[in-house]
Amino acid sequence: RTSAYWYRGGFAWQAMTAWGIALVVGMLFTKVDWFSGP
């Protein structure tokens, strides 16, 4: 917790939000042999 990069509870929530949403969006557009996004 003493780290300057602890932010809130150990998370930089803005970065986490952008990363998570982008990951989901990318999978929506992706098609492979065993998976096809909508």
ModelCIF file with pLDDT and N, C-alpha, C, O atoms, coordinates in Angstrom:
data_MODEL
#
_entry.id   MODEL 
#
_entity.id                         1 
_entity.type                       polymer 
_entity.pdbx_number_of_molecules   1 
#
_entity_poly.entity_id                      1 
_entity_poly.type                           'polypeptide(L)' 
_entity_poly.nstd_linkage                   no 
_entity_poly.nstd_monomer                   no 
_entity_poly.pdbx_seq_one_letter_code       RTSAYWYRGGFAWQAMTAWGIALVVGMLFTKVDWFSGP 
_entity_poly.pdbx_seq_one_letter_code_can   RTSAYWYRGGFAWQAMTAWGIALVVGMLFTKVDWFSGP 
_entity_poly.pdbx_strand_id                 A 
#
loop_
_entity_poly_seq.entity_id 
_entity_poly_seq.num 
_entity_poly_seq.mon_id 
_entity_poly_seq.hetero 
1 1  ARG n 
1 2  THR n 
1 3  SER n 
1 4  ALA n 
1 5  TYR n 
1 6  TRP n 
1 7  TYR n 
1 8  ARG n 
1 9  GLY n 
1 10 GLY n 
1 11 PHE n 
1 12 ALA n 
1 13 TRP n 
1 14 GLN n 
1 15 ALA n 
1 16 MET n 
1 17 THR n 
1 18 ALA n 
1 19 TRP n 
1 20 GLY n 
1 21 ILE n 
1 22 ALA n 
1 23 LEU n 
1 24 VAL n 
1 25 VAL n 
1 26 GLY n 
1 27 MET n 
1 28 LEU n 
1 29 PHE n 
1 30 THR n 
1 31 LYS n 
1 32 VAL n 
1 33 ASP n 
1 34 TRP n 
1 35 PHE n 
1 36 SER n 
1 37 GLY n 
1 38 PRO n 
#
_struct_asym.id          A 
_struct_asym.entity_id   1 
#
loop_
_ma_qa_metric.id 
_ma_qa_metric.mode 
_ma_qa_metric.name 
_ma_qa_metric.software_group_id 
_ma_qa_metric.type 
1 global pLDDT . pLDDT 
2 local  pLDDT . pLDDT 
#
_ma_qa_metric_global.metric_id      1 
_ma_qa_metric_global.metric_value   92.26 
_ma_qa_metric_global.model_id       1 
_ma_qa_metric_global.ordinal_id     1 
#
loop_
_ma_qa_metric_local.label_asym_id 
_ma_qa_metric_local.label_comp_id 
_ma_qa_metric_local.label_seq_id 
_ma_qa_metric_local.metric_id 
_ma_qa_metric_local.metric_value 
_ma_qa_metric_local.model_id 
_ma_qa_metric_local.ordinal_id 
A ARG 1  2 92.00 1 1  
A THR 2  2 92.00 1 2  
A SER 3  2 93.00 1 3  
A ALA 4  2 92.00 1 4  
A TYR 5  2 93.00 1 5  
A TRP 6  2 93.00 1 6  
A TYR 7  2 93.00 1 7  
A ARG 8  2 91.00 1 8  
A GLY 9  2 92.00 1 9  
A GLY 10 2 93.00 1 10 
A PHE 11 2 94.00 1 11 
A ALA 12 2 94.00 1 12 
A TRP 13 2 93.00 1 13 
A GLN 14 2 94.00 1 14 
A ALA 15 2 95.00 1 15 
A MET 16 2 96.00 1 16 
A THR 17 2 96.00 1 17 
A ALA 18 2 96.00 1 18 
A TRP 19 2 97.00 1 19 
A GLY 20 2 96.00 1 20 
A ILE 21 2 97.00 1 21 
A ALA 22 2 97.00 1 22 
A LEU 23 2 96.00 1 23 
A VAL 24 2 96.00 1 24 
A VAL 25 2 95.00 1 25 
A GLY 26 2 95.00 1 26 
A MET 27 2 95.00 1 27 
A LEU 28 2 95.00 1 28 
A PHE 29 2 94.00 1 29 
A THR 30 2 91.00 1 30 
A LYS 31 2 88.00 1 31 
A VAL 32 2 82.00 1 32 
A ASP 33 2 78.00 1 33 
A TRP 34 2 77.00 1 34 
A PHE 35 2 81.00 1 35 
A SER 36 2 89.00 1 36 
A GLY 37 2 91.00 1 37 
A PRO 38 2 94.00 1 38 
#
loop_
_atom_site.group_PDB 
_atom_site.id 
_atom_site.type_symbol 
_atom_site.label_atom_id 
_atom_site.label_alt_id 
_atom_site.label_comp_id 
_atom_site.label_asym_id 
_atom_site.label_entity_id 
_atom_site.label_seq_id 
_atom_site.pdbx_PDB_ins_code 
_atom_site.Cartn_x 
_atom_site.Cartn_y 
_atom_site.Cartn_z 
_atom_site.occupancy 
_atom_site.B_iso_or_equiv 
_atom_site.pdbx_formal_charge 
_atom_site.auth_seq_id 
_atom_site.auth_comp_id 
_atom_site.auth_asym_id 
_atom_site.auth_atom_id 
_atom_site.pdbx_PDB_model_num 
ATOM 1   N N  . ARG A 1 1  ? 0.817   -1.218  0.000   1.00 92.00 ? 1  ARG A N  1 
ATOM 2   C CA . ARG A 1 1  ? 0.000   0.000   0.000   1.00 92.00 ? 1  ARG A CA 1 
ATOM 3   C C  . ARG A 1 1  ? 0.849   1.265   0.000   1.00 92.00 ? 1  ARG A C  1 
ATOM 4   O O  . ARG A 1 1  ? 0.364   2.340   -0.353  1.00 92.00 ? 1  ARG A O  1 
ATOM 5   N N  . THR A 1 2  ? 2.108   1.142   0.393   1.00 92.00 ? 2  THR A N  1 
ATOM 6   C CA . THR A 1 2  ? 2.988   2.306   0.432   1.00 92.00 ? 2  THR A CA 1 
ATOM 7   C C  . THR A 1 2  ? 3.461   2.736   -0.962  1.00 92.00 ? 2  THR A C  1 
ATOM 8   O O  . THR A 1 2  ? 4.075   3.793   -1.103  1.00 92.00 ? 2  THR A O  1 
ATOM 9   N N  . SER A 1 3  ? 3.183   1.929   -1.987  1.00 93.00 ? 3  SER A N  1 
ATOM 10  C CA . SER A 1 3  ? 3.625   2.253   -3.340  1.00 93.00 ? 3  SER A CA 1 
ATOM 11  C C  . SER A 1 3  ? 2.866   3.455   -3.896  1.00 93.00 ? 3  SER A C  1 
ATOM 12  O O  . SER A 1 3  ? 1.657   3.587   -3.705  1.00 93.00 ? 3  SER A O  1 
ATOM 13  N N  . ALA A 1 4  ? 3.595   4.323   -4.584  1.00 92.00 ? 4  ALA A N  1 
ATOM 14  C CA . ALA A 1 4  ? 2.947   5.452   -5.257  1.00 92.00 ? 4  ALA A CA 1 
ATOM 15  C C  . ALA A 1 4  ? 2.009   4.970   -6.348  1.00 92.00 ? 4  ALA A C  1 
ATOM 16  O O  . ALA A 1 4  ? 1.127   5.712   -6.780  1.00 92.00 ? 4  ALA A O  1 
ATOM 17  N N  . TYR A 1 5  ? 2.189   3.733   -6.799  1.00 93.00 ? 5  TYR A N  1 
ATOM 18  C CA . TYR A 1 5  ? 1.339   3.176   -7.853  1.00 93.00 ? 5  TYR A CA 1 
ATOM 19  C C  . TYR A 1 5  ? 0.289   2.217   -7.279  1.00 93.00 ? 5  TYR A C  1 
ATOM 20  O O  . TYR A 1 5  ? -0.156  1.287   -7.952  1.00 93.00 ? 5  TYR A O  1 
ATOM 21  N N  . TRP A 1 6  ? -0.089  2.461   -6.042  1.00 93.00 ? 6  TRP A N  1 
ATOM 22  C CA . TRP A 1 6  ? -1.148  1.651   -5.438  1.00 93.00 ? 6  TRP A CA 1 
ATOM 23  C C  . TRP A 1 6  ? -2.518  2.130   -5.888  1.00 93.00 ? 6  TRP A C  1 
ATOM 24  O O  . TRP A 1 6  ? -3.453  1.341   -6.023  1.00 93.00 ? 6  TRP A O  1 
ATOM 25  N N  . TYR A 1 7  ? -2.623  3.439   -6.120  1.00 93.00 ? 7  TYR A N  1 
ATOM 26  C CA . TYR A 1 7  ? -3.876  4.069   -6.552  1.00 93.00 ? 7  TYR A CA 1 
ATOM 27  C C  . TYR A 1 7  ? -4.993  3.750   -5.560  1.00 93.00 ? 7  TYR A C  1 
ATOM 28  O O  . TYR A 1 7  ? -4.830  4.011   -4.369  1.00 93.00 ? 7  TYR A O  1 
ATOM 29  N N  . ARG A 1 8  ? -6.118  3.197   -6.006  1.00 91.00 ? 8  ARG A N  1 
ATOM 30  C CA . ARG A 1 8  ? -7.236  2.926   -5.091  1.00 91.00 ? 8  ARG A CA 1 
ATOM 31  C C  . ARG A 1 8  ? -7.399  1.418   -4.941  1.00 91.00 ? 8  ARG A C  1 
ATOM 32  O O  . ARG A 1 8  ? -7.850  0.732   -5.858  1.00 91.00 ? 8  ARG A O  1 
ATOM 33  N N  . GLY A 1 9  ? -7.024  0.919   -3.770  1.00 92.00 ? 9  GLY A N  1 
ATOM 34  C CA . GLY A 1 9  ? -7.115  -0.513  -3.531  1.00 92.00 ? 9  GLY A CA 1 
ATOM 35  C C  . GLY A 1 9  ? -6.154  -1.336  -4.366  1.00 92.00 ? 9  GLY A C  1 
ATOM 36  O O  . GLY A 1 9  ? -6.341  -2.543  -4.521  1.00 92.00 ? 9  GLY A O  1 
ATOM 37  N N  . GLY A 1 10 ? -5.125  -0.697  -4.906  1.00 93.00 ? 10 GLY A N  1 
ATOM 38  C CA . GLY A 1 10 ? -4.166  -1.408  -5.736  1.00 93.00 ? 10 GLY A CA 1 
ATOM 39  C C  . GLY A 1 10 ? -4.517  -1.395  -7.215  1.00 93.00 ? 10 GLY A C  1 
ATOM 40  O O  . GLY A 1 10 ? -3.808  -1.986  -8.029  1.00 93.00 ? 10 GLY A O  1 
ATOM 41  N N  . PHE A 1 11 ? -5.626  -0.713  -7.569  1.00 94.00 ? 11 PHE A N  1 
ATOM 42  C CA . PHE A 1 11 ? -6.103  -0.695  -8.954  1.00 94.00 ? 11 PHE A CA 1 
ATOM 43  C C  . PHE A 1 11 ? -6.171  0.722   -9.495  1.00 94.00 ? 11 PHE A C  1 
ATOM 44  O O  . PHE A 1 11 ? -6.622  1.637   -8.806  1.00 94.00 ? 11 PHE A O  1 
ATOM 45  N N  . ALA A 1 12 ? -5.718  0.903   -10.737 1.00 94.00 ? 12 ALA A N  1 
ATOM 46  C CA . ALA A 1 12 ? -6.006  2.121   -11.481 1.00 94.00 ? 12 ALA A CA 1 
ATOM 47  C C  . ALA A 1 12 ? -7.264  1.809   -12.280 1.00 94.00 ? 12 ALA A C  1 
ATOM 48  O O  . ALA A 1 12 ? -7.189  1.245   -13.371 1.00 94.00 ? 12 ALA A O  1 
ATOM 49  N N  . TRP A 1 13 ? -8.425  2.181   -11.731 1.00 93.00 ? 13 TRP A N  1 
ATOM 50  C CA . TRP A 1 13 ? -9.693  1.704   -12.281 1.00 93.00 ? 13 TRP A CA 1 
ATOM 51  C C  . TRP A 1 13 ? -9.952  2.196   -13.701 1.00 93.00 ? 13 TRP A C  1 
ATOM 52  O O  . TRP A 1 13 ? -10.603 1.497   -14.477 1.00 93.00 ? 13 TRP A O  1 
ATOM 53  N N  . GLN A 1 14 ? -9.463  3.372   -14.057 1.00 94.00 ? 14 GLN A N  1 
ATOM 54  C CA . GLN A 1 14 ? -9.664  3.857   -15.415 1.00 94.00 ? 14 GLN A CA 1 
ATOM 55  C C  . GLN A 1 14 ? -8.941  2.958   -16.419 1.00 94.00 ? 14 GLN A C  1 
ATOM 56  O O  . GLN A 1 14 ? -9.494  2.601   -17.459 1.00 94.00 ? 14 GLN A O  1 
ATOM 57  N N  . ALA A 1 15 ? -7.704  2.599   -16.094 1.00 95.00 ? 15 ALA A N  1 
ATOM 58  C CA . ALA A 1 15 ? -6.944  1.714   -16.976 1.00 95.00 ? 15 ALA A CA 1 
ATOM 59  C C  . ALA A 1 15 ? -7.600  0.339   -17.054 1.00 95.00 ? 15 ALA A C  1 
ATOM 60  O O  . ALA A 1 15 ? -7.696  -0.245  -18.133 1.00 95.00 ? 15 ALA A O  1 
ATOM 61  N N  . MET A 1 16 ? -8.050  -0.177  -15.915 1.00 96.00 ? 16 MET A N  1 
ATOM 62  C CA . MET A 1 16 ? -8.690  -1.485  -15.890 1.00 96.00 ? 16 MET A CA 1 
ATOM 63  C C  . MET A 1 16 ? -9.981  -1.492  -16.697 1.00 96.00 ? 16 MET A C  1 
ATOM 64  O O  . MET A 1 16 ? -10.272 -2.455  -17.406 1.00 96.00 ? 16 MET A O  1 
ATOM 65  N N  . THR A 1 17 ? -10.759 -0.408  -16.587 1.00 96.00 ? 17 THR A N  1 
ATOM 66  C CA . THR A 1 17 ? -12.019 -0.309  -17.318 1.00 96.00 ? 17 THR A CA 1 
ATOM 67  C C  . THR A 1 17 ? -11.777 -0.286  -18.817 1.00 96.00 ? 17 THR A C  1 
ATOM 68  O O  . THR A 1 17 ? -12.422 -1.014  -19.571 1.00 96.00 ? 17 THR A O  1 
ATOM 69  N N  . ALA A 1 18 ? -10.841 0.557   -19.246 1.00 96.00 ? 18 ALA A N  1 
ATOM 70  C CA . ALA A 1 18 ? -10.537 0.655   -20.681 1.00 96.00 ? 18 ALA A CA 1 
ATOM 71  C C  . ALA A 1 18 ? -10.018 -0.673  -21.213 1.00 96.00 ? 18 ALA A C  1 
ATOM 72  O O  . ALA A 1 18 ? -10.392 -1.096  -22.307 1.00 96.00 ? 18 ALA A O  1 
ATOM 73  N N  . TRP A 1 19 ? -9.163  -1.327  -20.448 1.00 97.00 ? 19 TRP A N  1 
ATOM 74  C CA . TRP A 1 19 ? -8.595  -2.612  -20.873 1.00 97.00 ? 19 TRP A CA 1 
ATOM 75  C C  . TRP A 1 19 ? -9.679  -3.683  -20.994 1.00 97.00 ? 19 TRP A C  1 
ATOM 76  O O  . TRP A 1 19 ? -9.738  -4.398  -21.995 1.00 97.00 ? 19 TRP A O  1 
ATOM 77  N N  . GLY A 1 20 ? -10.528 -3.792  -19.984 1.00 96.00 ? 20 GLY A N  1 
ATOM 78  C CA . GLY A 1 20 ? -11.560 -4.835  -19.975 1.00 96.00 ? 20 GLY A CA 1 
ATOM 79  C C  . GLY A 1 20 ? -12.592 -4.656  -21.078 1.00 96.00 ? 20 GLY A C  1 
ATOM 80  O O  . GLY A 1 20 ? -12.949 -5.615  -21.763 1.00 96.00 ? 20 GLY A O  1 
ATOM 81  N N  . ILE A 1 21 ? -13.074 -3.421  -21.252 1.00 97.00 ? 21 ILE A N  1 
ATOM 82  C CA . ILE A 1 21 ? -14.078 -3.173  -22.295 1.00 97.00 ? 21 ILE A CA 1 
ATOM 83  C C  . ILE A 1 21 ? -13.487 -3.418  -23.678 1.00 97.00 ? 21 ILE A C  1 
ATOM 84  O O  . ILE A 1 21 ? -14.133 -4.023  -24.533 1.00 97.00 ? 21 ILE A O  1 
ATOM 85  N N  . ALA A 1 22 ? -12.261 -2.950  -23.901 1.00 97.00 ? 22 ALA A N  1 
ATOM 86  C CA . ALA A 1 22 ? -11.615 -3.145  -25.202 1.00 97.00 ? 22 ALA A CA 1 
ATOM 87  C C  . ALA A 1 22 ? -11.427 -4.625  -25.508 1.00 97.00 ? 22 ALA A C  1 
ATOM 88  O O  . ALA A 1 22 ? -11.585 -5.047  -26.653 1.00 97.00 ? 22 ALA A O  1 
ATOM 89  N N  . LEU A 1 23 ? -11.094 -5.407  -24.503 1.00 96.00 ? 23 LEU A N  1 
ATOM 90  C CA . LEU A 1 23 ? -10.899 -6.843  -24.686 1.00 96.00 ? 23 LEU A CA 1 
ATOM 91  C C  . LEU A 1 23 ? -12.192 -7.510  -25.142 1.00 96.00 ? 23 LEU A C  1 
ATOM 92  O O  . LEU A 1 23 ? -12.187 -8.356  -26.037 1.00 96.00 ? 23 LEU A O  1 
ATOM 93  N N  . VAL A 1 24 ? -13.301 -7.119  -24.515 1.00 96.00 ? 24 VAL A N  1 
ATOM 94  C CA . VAL A 1 24 ? -14.611 -7.679  -24.887 1.00 96.00 ? 24 VAL A CA 1 
ATOM 95  C C  . VAL A 1 24 ? -14.984 -7.259  -26.302 1.00 96.00 ? 24 VAL A C  1 
ATOM 96  O O  . VAL A 1 24 ? -15.441 -8.079  -27.098 1.00 96.00 ? 24 VAL A O  1 
ATOM 97  N N  . VAL A 1 25 ? -14.787 -5.972  -26.617 1.00 95.00 ? 25 VAL A N  1 
ATOM 98  C CA . VAL A 1 25 ? -15.114 -5.470  -27.954 1.00 95.00 ? 25 VAL A CA 1 
ATOM 99  C C  . VAL A 1 25 ? -14.302 -6.210  -29.020 1.00 95.00 ? 25 VAL A C  1 
ATOM 100 O O  . VAL A 1 25 ? -14.842 -6.600  -30.056 1.00 95.00 ? 25 VAL A O  1 
ATOM 101 N N  . GLY A 1 26 ? -13.020 -6.399  -28.766 1.00 95.00 ? 26 GLY A N  1 
ATOM 102 C CA . GLY A 1 26 ? -12.178 -7.109  -29.722 1.00 95.00 ? 26 GLY A CA 1 
ATOM 103 C C  . GLY A 1 26 ? -12.677 -8.513  -29.991 1.00 95.00 ? 26 GLY A C  1 
ATOM 104 O O  . GLY A 1 26 ? -12.671 -8.959  -31.138 1.00 95.00 ? 26 GLY A O  1 
ATOM 105 N N  . MET A 1 27 ? -13.112 -9.224  -28.951 1.00 95.00 ? 27 MET A N  1 
ATOM 106 C CA . MET A 1 27 ? -13.622 -10.583 -29.126 1.00 95.00 ? 27 MET A CA 1 
ATOM 107 C C  . MET A 1 27 ? -14.926 -10.599 -29.903 1.00 95.00 ? 27 MET A C  1 
ATOM 108 O O  . MET A 1 27 ? -15.211 -11.575 -30.597 1.00 95.00 ? 27 MET A O  1 
ATOM 109 N N  . LEU A 1 28 ? -15.727 -9.544  -29.806 1.00 95.00 ? 28 LEU A N  1 
ATOM 110 C CA . LEU A 1 28 ? -16.984 -9.472  -30.554 1.00 95.00 ? 28 LEU A CA 1 
ATOM 111 C C  . LEU A 1 28 ? -16.737 -9.499  -32.061 1.00 95.00 ? 28 LEU A C  1 
ATOM 112 O O  . LEU A 1 28 ? -17.558 -10.012 -32.821 1.00 95.00 ? 28 LEU A O  1 
ATOM 113 N N  . PHE A 1 29 ? -15.591 -8.939  -32.491 1.00 94.00 ? 29 PHE A N  1 
ATOM 114 C CA . PHE A 1 29 ? -15.271 -8.857  -33.914 1.00 94.00 ? 29 PHE A CA 1 
ATOM 115 C C  . PHE A 1 29 ? -14.417 -10.032 -34.403 1.00 94.00 ? 29 PHE A C  1 
ATOM 116 O O  . PHE A 1 29 ? -14.043 -10.078 -35.575 1.00 94.00 ? 29 PHE A O  1 
ATOM 117 N N  . THR A 1 30 ? -14.110 -10.968 -33.525 1.00 91.00 ? 30 THR A N  1 
ATOM 118 C CA . THR A 1 30 ? -13.132 -12.009 -33.837 1.00 91.00 ? 30 THR A CA 1 
ATOM 119 C C  . THR A 1 30 ? -13.794 -13.320 -34.227 1.00 91.00 ? 30 THR A C  1 
ATOM 120 O O  . THR A 1 30 ? -14.810 -13.719 -33.656 1.00 91.00 ? 30 THR A O  1 
ATOM 121 N N  . LYS A 1 31 ? -13.187 -13.989 -35.227 1.00 88.00 ? 31 LYS A N  1 
ATOM 122 C CA . LYS A 1 31 ? -13.659 -15.300 -35.659 1.00 88.00 ? 31 LYS A CA 1 
ATOM 123 C C  . LYS A 1 31 ? -12.468 -16.231 -35.838 1.00 88.00 ? 31 LYS A C  1 
ATOM 124 O O  . LYS A 1 31 ? -11.511 -15.907 -36.542 1.00 88.00 ? 31 LYS A O  1 
ATOM 125 N N  . VAL A 1 32 ? -12.539 -17.391 -35.192 1.00 82.00 ? 32 VAL A N  1 
ATOM 126 C CA . VAL A 1 32 ? -11.520 -18.437 -35.359 1.00 82.00 ? 32 VAL A CA 1 
ATOM 127 C C  . VAL A 1 32 ? -12.250 -19.751 -35.616 1.00 82.00 ? 32 VAL A C  1 
ATOM 128 O O  . VAL A 1 32 ? -13.476 -19.772 -35.732 1.00 82.00 ? 32 VAL A O  1 
ATOM 129 N N  . ASP A 1 33 ? -11.505 -20.837 -35.704 1.00 78.00 ? 33 ASP A N  1 
ATOM 130 C CA . ASP A 1 33 ? -12.116 -22.133 -36.048 1.00 78.00 ? 33 ASP A CA 1 
ATOM 131 C C  . ASP A 1 33 ? -13.214 -22.546 -35.079 1.00 78.00 ? 33 ASP A C  1 
ATOM 132 O O  . ASP A 1 33 ? -14.226 -23.113 -35.493 1.00 78.00 ? 33 ASP A O  1 
ATOM 133 N N  . TRP A 1 34 ? -13.025 -22.269 -33.797 1.00 77.00 ? 34 TRP A N  1 
ATOM 134 C CA . TRP A 1 34 ? -13.970 -22.761 -32.796 1.00 77.00 ? 34 TRP A CA 1 
ATOM 135 C C  . TRP A 1 34 ? -14.744 -21.659 -32.078 1.00 77.00 ? 34 TRP A C  1 
ATOM 136 O O  . TRP A 1 34 ? -15.457 -21.934 -31.113 1.00 77.00 ? 34 TRP A O  1 
ATOM 137 N N  . PHE A 1 35 ? -14.612 -20.428 -32.536 1.00 81.00 ? 35 PHE A N  1 
ATOM 138 C CA . PHE A 1 35 ? -15.315 -19.302 -31.893 1.00 81.00 ? 35 PHE A CA 1 
ATOM 139 C C  . PHE A 1 35 ? -15.604 -18.216 -32.919 1.00 81.00 ? 35 PHE A C  1 
ATOM 140 O O  . PHE A 1 35 ? -14.763 -17.895 -33.759 1.00 81.00 ? 35 PHE A O  1 
ATOM 141 N N  . SER A 1 36 ? -16.815 -17.654 -32.837 1.00 89.00 ? 36 SER A N  1 
ATOM 142 C CA . SER A 1 36 ? -17.178 -16.556 -33.730 1.00 89.00 ? 36 SER A CA 1 
ATOM 143 C C  . SER A 1 36 ? -17.962 -15.521 -32.933 1.00 89.00 ? 36 SER A C  1 
ATOM 144 O O  . SER A 1 36 ? -19.044 -15.807 -32.421 1.00 89.00 ? 36 SER A O  1 
ATOM 145 N N  . GLY A 1 37 ? -17.403 -14.308 -32.832 1.00 91.00 ? 37 GLY A N  1 
ATOM 146 C CA . GLY A 1 37 ? -18.086 -13.237 -32.132 1.00 91.00 ? 37 GLY A CA 1 
ATOM 147 C C  . GLY A 1 37 ? -19.303 -12.757 -32.906 1.00 91.00 ? 37 GLY A C  1 
ATOM 148 O O  . GLY A 1 37 ? -19.346 -12.910 -34.127 1.00 91.00 ? 37 GLY A O  1 
ATOM 149 N N  . PRO A 1 38 ? -20.299 -12.179 -32.231 1.00 94.00 ? 38 PRO A N  1 
ATOM 150 C CA . PRO A 1 38 ? -21.528 -11.737 -32.903 1.00 94.00 ? 38 PRO A CA 1 
ATOM 151 C C  . PRO A 1 38 ? -21.316 -10.655 -33.957 1.00 94.00 ? 38 PRO A C  1 
ATOM 152 O O  . PRO A 1 38 ? -22.276 -10.208 -34.585 1.00 94.00 ? 38 PRO A O  1 
#
